PDB file of N, CA and C in Angstrom:
ATOM      1  N   GLY A   1     -29.010  81.325 -56.803  1.00  0.00           N
ATOM      2  CA  GLY A   1     -28.397  81.784 -57.914  1.00  0.00           C
ATOM      3  C   GLY A   1     -28.123  80.850 -59.055  1.00  0.00           C
ATOM      4  N   SER A   2     -27.259  81.353 -59.861  1.00  0.00           N
ATOM      5  CA  SER A   2     -26.911  80.687 -61.111  1.00  0.00           C
ATOM      6  C   SER A   2     -25.834  79.639 -60.949  1.00  0.00           C
ATOM      7  N   GLY A   3     -25.263  79.533 -59.773  1.00  0.00           N
ATOM      8  CA  GLY A   3     -24.152  78.630 -59.549  1.00  0.00           C
ATOM      9  C   GLY A   3     -22.831  79.365 -59.484  1.00  0.00           C
ATOM     10  N   ASP A   4     -22.806  80.597 -59.985  1.00  0.00           N
ATOM     11  CA  ASP A   4     -21.589  81.392 -59.927  1.00  0.00           C
ATOM     12  C   ASP A   4     -21.298  81.772 -58.478  1.00  0.00           C
ATOM     13  N   GLY A   5     -20.106  81.503 -58.034  1.00  0.00           N
ATOM     14  CA  GLY A   5     -19.702  81.911 -56.694  1.00  0.00           C
ATOM     15  C   GLY A   5     -20.170  81.000 -55.577  1.00  0.00           C
ATOM     16  N   ASP A   6     -20.699  79.818 -55.900  1.00  0.00           N
ATOM     17  CA  ASP A   6     -21.201  78.926 -54.850  1.00  0.00           C
ATOM     18  C   ASP A   6     -20.123  78.535 -53.847  1.00  0.00           C
ATOM     19  N   GLU A   7     -18.969  78.126 -54.351  1.00  0.00           N
ATOM     20  CA  GLU A   7     -17.905  77.691 -53.446  1.00  0.00           C
ATOM     21  C   GLU A   7     -17.440  78.847 -52.567  1.00  0.00           C
ATOM     22  N   GLU A   8     -17.302  80.034 -53.150  1.00  0.00           N
ATOM     23  CA  GLU A   8     -16.905  81.211 -52.376  1.00  0.00           C
ATOM     24  C   GLU A   8     -17.952  81.540 -51.319  1.00  0.00           C
ATOM     25  N   TYR A   9     -19.223  81.430 -51.663  1.00  0.00           N
ATOM     26  CA  TYR A   9     -20.318  81.692 -50.723  1.00  0.00           C
ATOM     27  C   TYR A   9     -20.217  80.762 -49.520  1.00  0.00           C
ATOM     28  N   VAL A  10     -20.020  79.476 -49.780  1.00  0.00           N
ATOM     29  CA  VAL A  10     -19.943  78.480 -48.708  1.00  0.00           C
ATOM     30  C   VAL A  10     -18.746  78.753 -47.801  1.00  0.00           C
ATOM     31  N   THR A  11     -17.587  78.987 -48.393  1.00  0.00           N
ATOM     32  CA  THR A  11     -16.393  79.202 -47.574  1.00  0.00           C
ATOM     33  C   THR A  11     -16.446  80.534 -46.829  1.00  0.00           C
ATOM     34  N   SER A  12     -17.112  81.541 -47.402  1.00  0.00           N
ATOM     35  CA  SER A  12     -17.221  82.830 -46.708  1.00  0.00           C
ATOM     36  C   SER A  12     -18.104  82.726 -45.463  1.00  0.00           C
ATOM     37  N   CYS A  13     -18.922  81.697 -45.412  1.00  0.00           N
ATOM     38  CA  CYS A  13     -19.763  81.453 -44.228  1.00  0.00           C
ATOM     39  C   CYS A  13     -19.019  80.643 -43.171  1.00  0.00           C
ATOM     40  N   GLY A  14     -17.785  80.237 -43.488  1.00  0.00           N
ATOM     41  CA  GLY A  14     -16.994  79.453 -42.559  1.00  0.00           C
ATOM     42  C   GLY A  14     -17.191  77.955 -42.707  1.00  0.00           C
ATOM     43  N   TRP A  15     -17.874  77.537 -43.756  1.00  0.00           N
ATOM     44  CA  TRP A  15     -18.127  76.121 -43.992  1.00  0.00           C
ATOM     45  C   TRP A  15     -17.108  75.571 -44.977  1.00  0.00           C
ATOM     46  N   THR A  16     -16.987  74.267 -45.005  1.00  0.00           N
ATOM     47  CA  THR A  16     -16.132  73.571 -45.954  1.00  0.00           C
ATOM     48  C   THR A  16     -17.015  72.874 -46.973  1.00  0.00           C
ATOM     49  N   LEU A  17     -16.708  73.047 -48.250  1.00  0.00           N
ATOM     50  CA  LEU A  17     -17.476  72.391 -49.299  1.00  0.00           C
ATOM     51  C   LEU A  17     -17.190  70.896 -49.261  1.00  0.00           C
ATOM     52  N   CYS A  18     -18.224  70.119 -49.068  1.00  0.00           N
ATOM     53  CA  CYS A  18     -18.119  68.664 -49.051  1.00  0.00           C
ATOM     54  C   CYS A  18     -18.954  68.151 -50.214  1.00  0.00           C
ATOM     55  N   THR A  19     -18.343  67.382 -51.089  1.00  0.00           N
ATOM     56  CA  THR A  19     -19.066  66.919 -52.266  1.00  0.00           C
ATOM     57  C   THR A  19     -19.626  65.519 -52.119  1.00  0.00           C
ATOM     58  N   ASN A  20     -19.340  64.866 -51.004  1.00  0.00           N
ATOM     59  CA  ASN A  20     -19.852  63.522 -50.753  1.00  0.00           C
ATOM     60  C   ASN A  20     -21.022  63.634 -49.780  1.00  0.00           C
ATOM     61  N   ILE A  21     -22.228  63.442 -50.258  1.00  0.00           N
ATOM     62  CA  ILE A  21     -23.428  63.650 -49.447  1.00  0.00           C
ATOM     63  C   ILE A  21     -23.422  62.780 -48.195  1.00  0.00           C
ATOM     64  N   GLU A  22     -22.789  61.637 -48.258  1.00  0.00           N
ATOM     65  CA  GLU A  22     -22.754  60.742 -47.103  1.00  0.00           C
ATOM     66  C   GLU A  22     -21.849  61.261 -45.987  1.00  0.00           C
ATOM     67  N   ARG A  23     -21.024  62.258 -46.283  1.00  0.00           N
ATOM     68  CA  ARG A  23     -20.150  62.858 -45.271  1.00  0.00           C
ATOM     69  C   ARG A  23     -20.595  64.271 -44.903  1.00  0.00           C
ATOM     70  N   ALA A  24     -21.606  64.781 -45.555  1.00  0.00           N
ATOM     71  CA  ALA A  24     -22.067  66.153 -45.315  1.00  0.00           C
ATOM     72  C   ALA A  24     -22.875  66.225 -44.029  1.00  0.00           C
ATOM     73  N   ASN A  25     -22.842  67.402 -43.397  1.00  0.00           N
ATOM     74  CA  ASN A  25     -23.698  67.607 -42.233  1.00  0.00           C
ATOM     75  C   ASN A  25     -24.729  68.698 -42.461  1.00  0.00           C
ATOM     76  N   LEU A  26     -24.727  69.271 -43.677  1.00  0.00           N
ATOM     77  CA  LEU A  26     -25.693  70.307 -44.040  1.00  0.00           C
ATOM     78  C   LEU A  26     -25.730  70.426 -45.564  1.00  0.00           C
ATOM     79  N   ILE A  27     -26.920  70.642 -46.102  1.00  0.00           N
ATOM     80  CA  ILE A  27     -27.072  70.959 -47.523  1.00  0.00           C
ATOM     81  C   ILE A  27     -27.426  72.436 -47.603  1.00  0.00           C
ATOM     82  N   VAL A  28     -26.695  73.171 -48.424  1.00  0.00           N
ATOM     83  CA  VAL A  28     -27.004  74.577 -48.660  1.00  0.00           C
ATOM     84  C   VAL A  28     -27.651  74.674 -50.029  1.00  0.00           C
ATOM     85  N   ALA A  29     -28.930  75.026 -50.041  1.00  0.00           N
ATOM     86  CA  ALA A  29     -29.660  75.207 -51.294  1.00  0.00           C
ATOM     87  C   ALA A  29     -29.670  76.701 -51.592  1.00  0.00           C
ATOM     88  N   ARG A  30     -28.873  77.073 -52.571  1.00  0.00           N
ATOM     89  CA  ARG A  30     -28.670  78.483 -52.891  1.00  0.00           C
ATOM     90  C   ARG A  30     -29.306  78.877 -54.213  1.00  0.00           C
ATOM     91  N   GLY A  31     -29.634  77.910 -55.017  1.00  0.00           N
ATOM     92  CA  GLY A  31     -30.211  78.159 -56.328  1.00  0.00           C
ATOM     93  C   GLY A  31     -30.594  76.833 -56.950  1.00  0.00           C
ATOM     94  N   THR A  32     -30.983  76.879 -58.201  1.00  0.00           N
ATOM     95  CA  THR A  32     -31.489  75.657 -58.834  1.00  0.00           C
ATOM     96  C   THR A  32     -30.734  75.274 -60.095  1.00  0.00           C
ATOM     97  N   PHE A  33     -29.476  75.648 -60.194  1.00  0.00           N
ATOM     98  CA  PHE A  33     -28.761  75.402 -61.443  1.00  0.00           C
ATOM     99  C   PHE A  33     -27.571  74.464 -61.346  1.00  0.00           C
ATOM    100  N   THR A  34     -26.951  74.331 -60.169  1.00  0.00           N
ATOM    101  CA  THR A  34     -25.759  73.496 -60.067  1.00  0.00           C
ATOM    102  C   THR A  34     -25.780  72.630 -58.820  1.00  0.00           C
ATOM    103  N   ILE A  35     -25.130  71.470 -58.948  1.00  0.00           N
ATOM    104  CA  ILE A  35     -24.930  70.568 -57.821  1.00  0.00           C
ATOM    105  C   ILE A  35     -23.450  70.218 -57.799  1.00  0.00           C
ATOM    106  N   TYR A  36     -22.843  70.358 -56.638  1.00  0.00           N
ATOM    107  CA  TYR A  36     -21.453  69.951 -56.464  1.00  0.00           C
ATOM    108  C   TYR A  36     -21.466  68.530 -55.928  1.00  0.00           C
ATOM    109  N   THR A  37     -20.779  67.633 -56.591  1.00  0.00           N
ATOM    110  CA  THR A  37     -20.748  66.227 -56.208  1.00  0.00           C
ATOM    111  C   THR A  37     -19.342  65.693 -56.383  1.00  0.00           C
ATOM    112  N   ASP A  38     -19.129  64.495 -55.884  1.00  0.00           N
ATOM    113  CA  ASP A  38     -17.801  63.886 -56.027  1.00  0.00           C
ATOM    114  C   ASP A  38     -17.735  62.953 -57.220  1.00  0.00           C
ATOM    115  N   GLY A  39     -18.810  62.827 -57.945  1.00  0.00           N
ATOM    116  CA  GLY A  39     -18.822  61.967 -59.123  1.00  0.00           C
ATOM    117  C   GLY A  39     -18.595  60.498 -58.800  1.00  0.00           C
ATOM    118  N   GLY A  40     -18.885  60.121 -57.537  1.00  0.00           N
ATOM    119  CA  GLY A  40     -18.701  58.735 -57.128  1.00  0.00           C
ATOM    120  C   GLY A  40     -17.367  58.454 -56.468  1.00  0.00           C
ATOM    121  N   ASN A  41     -16.521  59.483 -56.310  1.00  0.00           N
ATOM    122  CA  ASN A  41     -15.227  59.303 -55.639  1.00  0.00           C
ATOM    123  C   ASN A  41     -15.425  59.181 -54.137  1.00  0.00           C
ATOM    124  N   ASP A  42     -14.473  58.585 -53.455  1.00  0.00           N
ATOM    125  CA  ASP A  42     -14.539  58.421 -52.004  1.00  0.00           C
ATOM    126  C   ASP A  42     -13.962  59.610 -51.250  1.00  0.00           C
ATOM    127  N   ASP A  43     -13.246  60.482 -51.912  1.00  0.00           N
ATOM    128  CA  ASP A  43     -12.576  61.607 -51.280  1.00  0.00           C
ATOM    129  C   ASP A  43     -13.482  62.836 -51.303  1.00  0.00           C
ATOM    130  N   ASP A  44     -13.456  63.639 -50.232  1.00  0.00           N
ATOM    131  CA  ASP A  44     -14.307  64.824 -50.144  1.00  0.00           C
ATOM    132  C   ASP A  44     -13.882  65.952 -51.076  1.00  0.00           C
ATOM    133  N   THR A  45     -12.613  66.038 -51.425  1.00  0.00           N
ATOM    134  CA  THR A  45     -12.153  67.209 -52.152  1.00  0.00           C
ATOM    135  C   THR A  45     -11.640  66.908 -53.553  1.00  0.00           C
ATOM    136  N   ASP A  46     -11.136  65.723 -53.795  1.00  0.00           N
ATOM    137  CA  ASP A  46     -10.588  65.408 -55.117  1.00  0.00           C
ATOM    138  C   ASP A  46     -11.711  65.052 -56.080  1.00  0.00           C
ATOM    139  N   GLY A  47     -11.557  65.414 -57.316  1.00  0.00           N
ATOM    140  CA  GLY A  47     -12.513  65.018 -58.335  1.00  0.00           C
ATOM    141  C   GLY A  47     -13.869  65.684 -58.222  1.00  0.00           C
ATOM    142  N   VAL A  48     -13.903  66.958 -57.831  1.00  0.00           N
ATOM    143  CA  VAL A  48     -15.179  67.670 -57.716  1.00  0.00           C
ATOM    144  C   VAL A  48     -15.823  67.758 -59.089  1.00  0.00           C
ATOM    145  N   VAL A  49     -17.094  67.385 -59.157  1.00  0.00           N
ATOM    146  CA  VAL A  49     -17.863  67.445 -60.389  1.00  0.00           C
ATOM    147  C   VAL A  49     -18.999  68.439 -60.173  1.00  0.00           C
ATOM    148  N   VAL A  50     -19.130  69.393 -61.079  1.00  0.00           N
ATOM    149  CA  VAL A  50     -20.229  70.342 -61.020  1.00  0.00           C
ATOM    150  C   VAL A  50     -21.238  69.923 -62.076  1.00  0.00           C
ATOM    151  N   VAL A  51     -22.434  69.574 -61.634  1.00  0.00           N
ATOM    152  CA  VAL A  51     -23.502  69.161 -62.542  1.00  0.00           C
ATOM    153  C   VAL A  51     -24.396  70.372 -62.760  1.00  0.00           C
ATOM    154  N   SER A  52     -24.476  70.826 -63.994  1.00  0.00           N
ATOM    155  CA  SER A  52     -25.222  72.035 -64.320  1.00  0.00           C
ATOM    156  C   SER A  52     -26.530  71.711 -65.034  1.00  0.00           C
ATOM    157  N   LYS A  53     -27.591  72.304 -64.552  1.00  0.00           N
ATOM    158  CA  LYS A  53     -28.906  72.131 -65.172  1.00  0.00           C
ATOM    159  C   LYS A  53     -28.929  72.709 -66.585  1.00  0.00           C
ATOM    160  N   THR A  54     -28.177  73.773 -66.805  1.00  0.00           N
ATOM    161  CA  THR A  54     -28.177  74.408 -68.129  1.00  0.00           C
ATOM    162  C   THR A  54     -27.366  73.626 -69.149  1.00  0.00           C
ATOM    163  N   VAL A  55     -26.466  72.736 -68.688  1.00  0.00           N
ATOM    164  CA  VAL A  55     -25.646  71.939 -69.594  1.00  0.00           C
ATOM    165  C   VAL A  55     -26.311  70.607 -69.913  1.00  0.00           C
ATOM    166  N   ASP A  56     -26.828  69.920 -68.870  1.00  0.00           N
ATOM    167  CA  ASP A  56     -27.429  68.596 -69.055  1.00  0.00           C
ATOM    168  C   ASP A  56     -28.543  68.419 -68.034  1.00  0.00           C
ATOM    169  N   GLU A  57     -29.751  68.849 -68.409  1.00  0.00           N
ATOM    170  CA  GLU A  57     -30.870  68.832 -67.470  1.00  0.00           C
ATOM    171  C   GLU A  57     -31.219  67.420 -66.997  1.00  0.00           C
ATOM    172  N   GLY A  58     -31.086  66.426 -67.863  1.00  0.00           N
ATOM    173  CA  GLY A  58     -31.376  65.048 -67.480  1.00  0.00           C
ATOM    174  C   GLY A  58     -30.427  64.545 -66.403  1.00  0.00           C
ATOM    175  N   LYS A  59     -29.138  64.788 -66.596  1.00  0.00           N
ATOM    176  CA  LYS A  59     -28.139  64.377 -65.602  1.00  0.00           C
ATOM    177  C   LYS A  59     -28.354  65.141 -64.302  1.00  0.00           C
ATOM    178  N   TYR A  60     -28.620  66.434 -64.411  1.00  0.00           N
ATOM    179  CA  TYR A  60     -28.871  67.269 -63.238  1.00  0.00           C
ATOM    180  C   TYR A  60     -30.034  66.695 -62.423  1.00  0.00           C
ATOM    181  N   THR A  61     -31.128  66.371 -63.090  1.00  0.00           N
ATOM    182  CA  THR A  61     -32.306  65.845 -62.406  1.00  0.00           C
ATOM    183  C   THR A  61     -31.995  64.514 -61.724  1.00  0.00           C
ATOM    184  N   ALA A  62     -31.271  63.638 -62.404  1.00  0.00           N
ATOM    185  CA  ALA A  62     -30.908  62.336 -61.834  1.00  0.00           C
ATOM    186  C   ALA A  62     -30.026  62.505 -60.594  1.00  0.00           C
ATOM    187  N   VAL A  63     -29.019  63.379 -60.679  1.00  0.00           N
ATOM    188  CA  VAL A  63     -28.115  63.614 -59.547  1.00  0.00           C
ATOM    189  C   VAL A  63     -28.876  64.280 -58.399  1.00  0.00           C
ATOM    190  N   LEU A  64     -29.747  65.222 -58.719  1.00  0.00           N
ATOM    191  CA  LEU A  64     -30.553  65.887 -57.692  1.00  0.00           C
ATOM    192  C   LEU A  64     -31.407  64.881 -56.933  1.00  0.00           C
ATOM    193  N   GLU A  65     -32.122  64.039 -57.658  1.00  0.00           N
ATOM    194  CA  GLU A  65     -32.993  63.055 -57.011  1.00  0.00           C
ATOM    195  C   GLU A  65     -32.197  62.081 -56.154  1.00  0.00           C
ATOM    196  N   GLU A  66     -31.073  61.591 -56.678  1.00  0.00           N
ATOM    197  CA  GLU A  66     -30.240  60.655 -55.924  1.00  0.00           C
ATOM    198  C   GLU A  66     -29.681  61.313 -54.660  1.00  0.00           C
ATOM    199  N   THR A  67     -29.204  62.541 -54.791  1.00  0.00           N
ATOM    200  CA  THR A  67     -28.625  63.265 -53.659  1.00  0.00           C
ATOM    201  C   THR A  67     -29.663  63.534 -52.584  1.00  0.00           C
ATOM    202  N   LEU A  68     -30.846  64.000 -52.987  1.00  0.00           N
ATOM    203  CA  LEU A  68     -31.890  64.297 -52.000  1.00  0.00           C
ATOM    204  C   LEU A  68     -32.413  63.034 -51.335  1.00  0.00           C
ATOM    205  N   GLU A  69     -32.473  61.943 -52.074  1.00  0.00           N
ATOM    206  CA  GLU A  69     -32.896  60.665 -51.489  1.00  0.00           C
ATOM    207  C   GLU A  69     -31.913  60.229 -50.403  1.00  0.00           C
ATOM    208  N   LYS A  70     -30.622  60.292 -50.702  1.00  0.00           N
ATOM    209  CA  LYS A  70     -29.602  59.930 -49.717  1.00  0.00           C
ATOM    210  C   LYS A  70     -29.658  60.869 -48.508  1.00  0.00           C
ATOM    211  N   ALA A  71     -29.782  62.163 -48.775  1.00  0.00           N
ATOM    212  CA  ALA A  71     -29.833  63.144 -47.688  1.00  0.00           C
ATOM    213  C   ALA A  71     -31.044  62.909 -46.789  1.00  0.00           C
ATOM    214  N   SER A  72     -32.161  62.567 -47.385  1.00  0.00           N
ATOM    215  CA  SER A  72     -33.368  62.274 -46.614  1.00  0.00           C
ATOM    216  C   SER A  72     -33.160  61.060 -45.720  1.00  0.00           C
ATOM    217  N   HIS A  73     -32.595  60.018 -46.295  1.00  0.00           N
ATOM    218  CA  HIS A  73     -32.328  58.793 -45.542  1.00  0.00           C
ATOM    219  C   HIS A  73     -31.374  59.065 -44.371  1.00  0.00           C
ATOM    220  N   LEU A  74     -30.380  59.907 -44.603  1.00  0.00           N
ATOM    221  CA  LEU A  74     -29.387  60.245 -43.578  1.00  0.00           C
ATOM    222  C   LEU A  74     -29.854  61.375 -42.655  1.00  0.00           C
ATOM    223  N   GLN A  75     -31.009  61.959 -42.948  1.00  0.00           N
ATOM    224  CA  GLN A  75     -31.598  63.069 -42.172  1.00  0.00           C
ATOM    225  C   GLN A  75     -30.654  64.273 -42.082  1.00  0.00           C
ATOM    226  N   ILE A  76     -30.074  64.620 -43.221  1.00  0.00           N
ATOM    227  CA  ILE A  76     -29.191  65.779 -43.292  1.00  0.00           C
ATOM    228  C   ILE A  76     -30.057  67.024 -43.458  1.00  0.00           C
ATOM    229  N   PRO A  77     -29.902  68.023 -42.593  1.00  0.00           N
ATOM    230  CA  PRO A  77     -30.706  69.241 -42.716  1.00  0.00           C
ATOM    231  C   PRO A  77     -30.325  70.054 -43.955  1.00  0.00           C
ATOM    232  N   MET A  78     -31.287  70.858 -44.435  1.00  0.00           N
ATOM    233  CA  MET A  78     -31.060  71.715 -45.596  1.00  0.00           C
ATOM    234  C   MET A  78     -31.364  73.160 -45.217  1.00  0.00           C
ATOM    235  N   LEU A  79     -30.459  74.043 -45.592  1.00  0.00           N
ATOM    236  CA  LEU A  79     -30.639  75.469 -45.398  1.00  0.00           C
ATOM    237  C   LEU A  79     -30.888  76.098 -46.763  1.00  0.00           C
ATOM    238  N   VAL A  80     -32.056  76.694 -46.945  1.00  0.00           N
ATOM    239  CA  VAL A  80     -32.395  77.350 -48.212  1.00  0.00           C
ATOM    240  C   VAL A  80     -32.043  78.828 -48.066  1.00  0.00           C
ATOM    241  N   THR A  81     -31.048  79.268 -48.837  1.00  0.00           N
ATOM    242  CA  THR A  81     -30.565  80.644 -48.709  1.00  0.00           C
ATOM    243  C   THR A  81     -31.077  81.563 -49.815  1.00  0.00           C
ATOM    244  N   ASN A  82     -31.904  81.039 -50.695  1.00  0.00           N
ATOM    245  CA  ASN A  82     -32.454  81.825 -51.794  1.00  0.00           C
ATOM    246  C   ASN A  82     -33.888  81.353 -52.044  1.00  0.00           C
ATOM    247  N   PRO A  83     -34.796  81.707 -51.129  1.00  0.00           N
ATOM    248  CA  PRO A  83     -36.146  81.131 -51.188  1.00  0.00           C
ATOM    249  C   PRO A  83     -37.138  81.848 -52.118  1.00  0.00           C
ATOM    250  N   ASP A  84     -36.679  82.251 -53.301  1.00  0.00           N
ATOM    251  CA  ASP A  84     -37.589  82.895 -54.247  1.00  0.00           C
ATOM    252  C   ASP A  84     -38.721  81.951 -54.630  1.00  0.00           C
ATOM    253  N   LYS A  85     -39.920  82.487 -54.706  1.00  0.00           N
ATOM    254  CA  LYS A  85     -41.064  81.701 -55.159  1.00  0.00           C
ATOM    255  C   LYS A  85     -41.288  81.877 -56.657  1.00  0.00           C
ATOM    256  N   VAL A  86     -40.761  82.972 -57.202  1.00  0.00           N
ATOM    257  CA  VAL A  86     -40.899  83.258 -58.631  1.00  0.00           C
ATOM    258  C   VAL A  86     -39.536  83.721 -59.131  1.00  0.00           C
ATOM    259  N   ARG A  87     -39.106  83.122 -60.251  1.00  0.00           N
ATOM    260  CA  ARG A  87     -37.868  83.586 -60.867  1.00  0.00           C
ATOM    261  C   ARG A  87     -38.139  84.902 -61.592  1.00  0.00           C
ATOM    262  N   PRO A  88     -37.410  85.941 -61.245  1.00  0.00           N
ATOM    263  CA  PRO A  88     -37.659  87.251 -61.848  1.00  0.00           C
ATOM    264  C   PRO A  88     -37.390  87.312 -63.353  1.00  0.00           C
ATOM    265  N   ASP A  89     -36.610  86.369 -63.891  1.00  0.00           N
ATOM    266  CA  ASP A  89     -36.305  86.409 -65.318  1.00  0.00           C
ATOM    267  C   ASP A  89     -37.286  85.583 -66.137  1.00  0.00           C
ATOM    268  N   LYS A  90     -38.292  85.014 -65.509  1.00  0.00           N
ATOM    269  CA  LYS A  90     -39.275  84.187 -66.221  1.00  0.00           C
ATOM    270  C   LYS A  90     -40.651  84.834 -66.196  1.00  0.00           C
ATOM    271  N   GLY A  91     -41.128  85.224 -67.309  1.00  0.00           N
ATOM    272  CA  GLY A  91     -42.497  85.705 -67.454  1.00  0.00           C
ATOM    273  C   GLY A  91     -42.786  87.085 -66.906  1.00  0.00           C
ATOM    274  N   LEU A  92     -41.786  87.833 -66.616  1.00  0.00           N
ATOM    275  CA  LEU A  92     -42.033  89.187 -66.087  1.00  0.00           C
ATOM    276  C   LEU A  92     -41.589  90.235 -67.068  1.00  0.00           C
TER     277      LEU A  92
END
């Protein structure tokens, strides 16, 4: 999705939103517009930063690459919950 309702989606599944990738045990890929991060803070819940692709695509791309690199190194599994191959709002 668009990023709307991401936190509610995660908690409704019984999971806790963790914004520090080094403490996460799962990545939920629900869409391609937002990343929840800690902005470099050491705490899992304080200082949540939402990086939006629609607001700053350059920052979004940098945070995405850094997050996925760390997750790969730590071998954190990813669950893709929205596996669309084509965005319905593009070119249709």
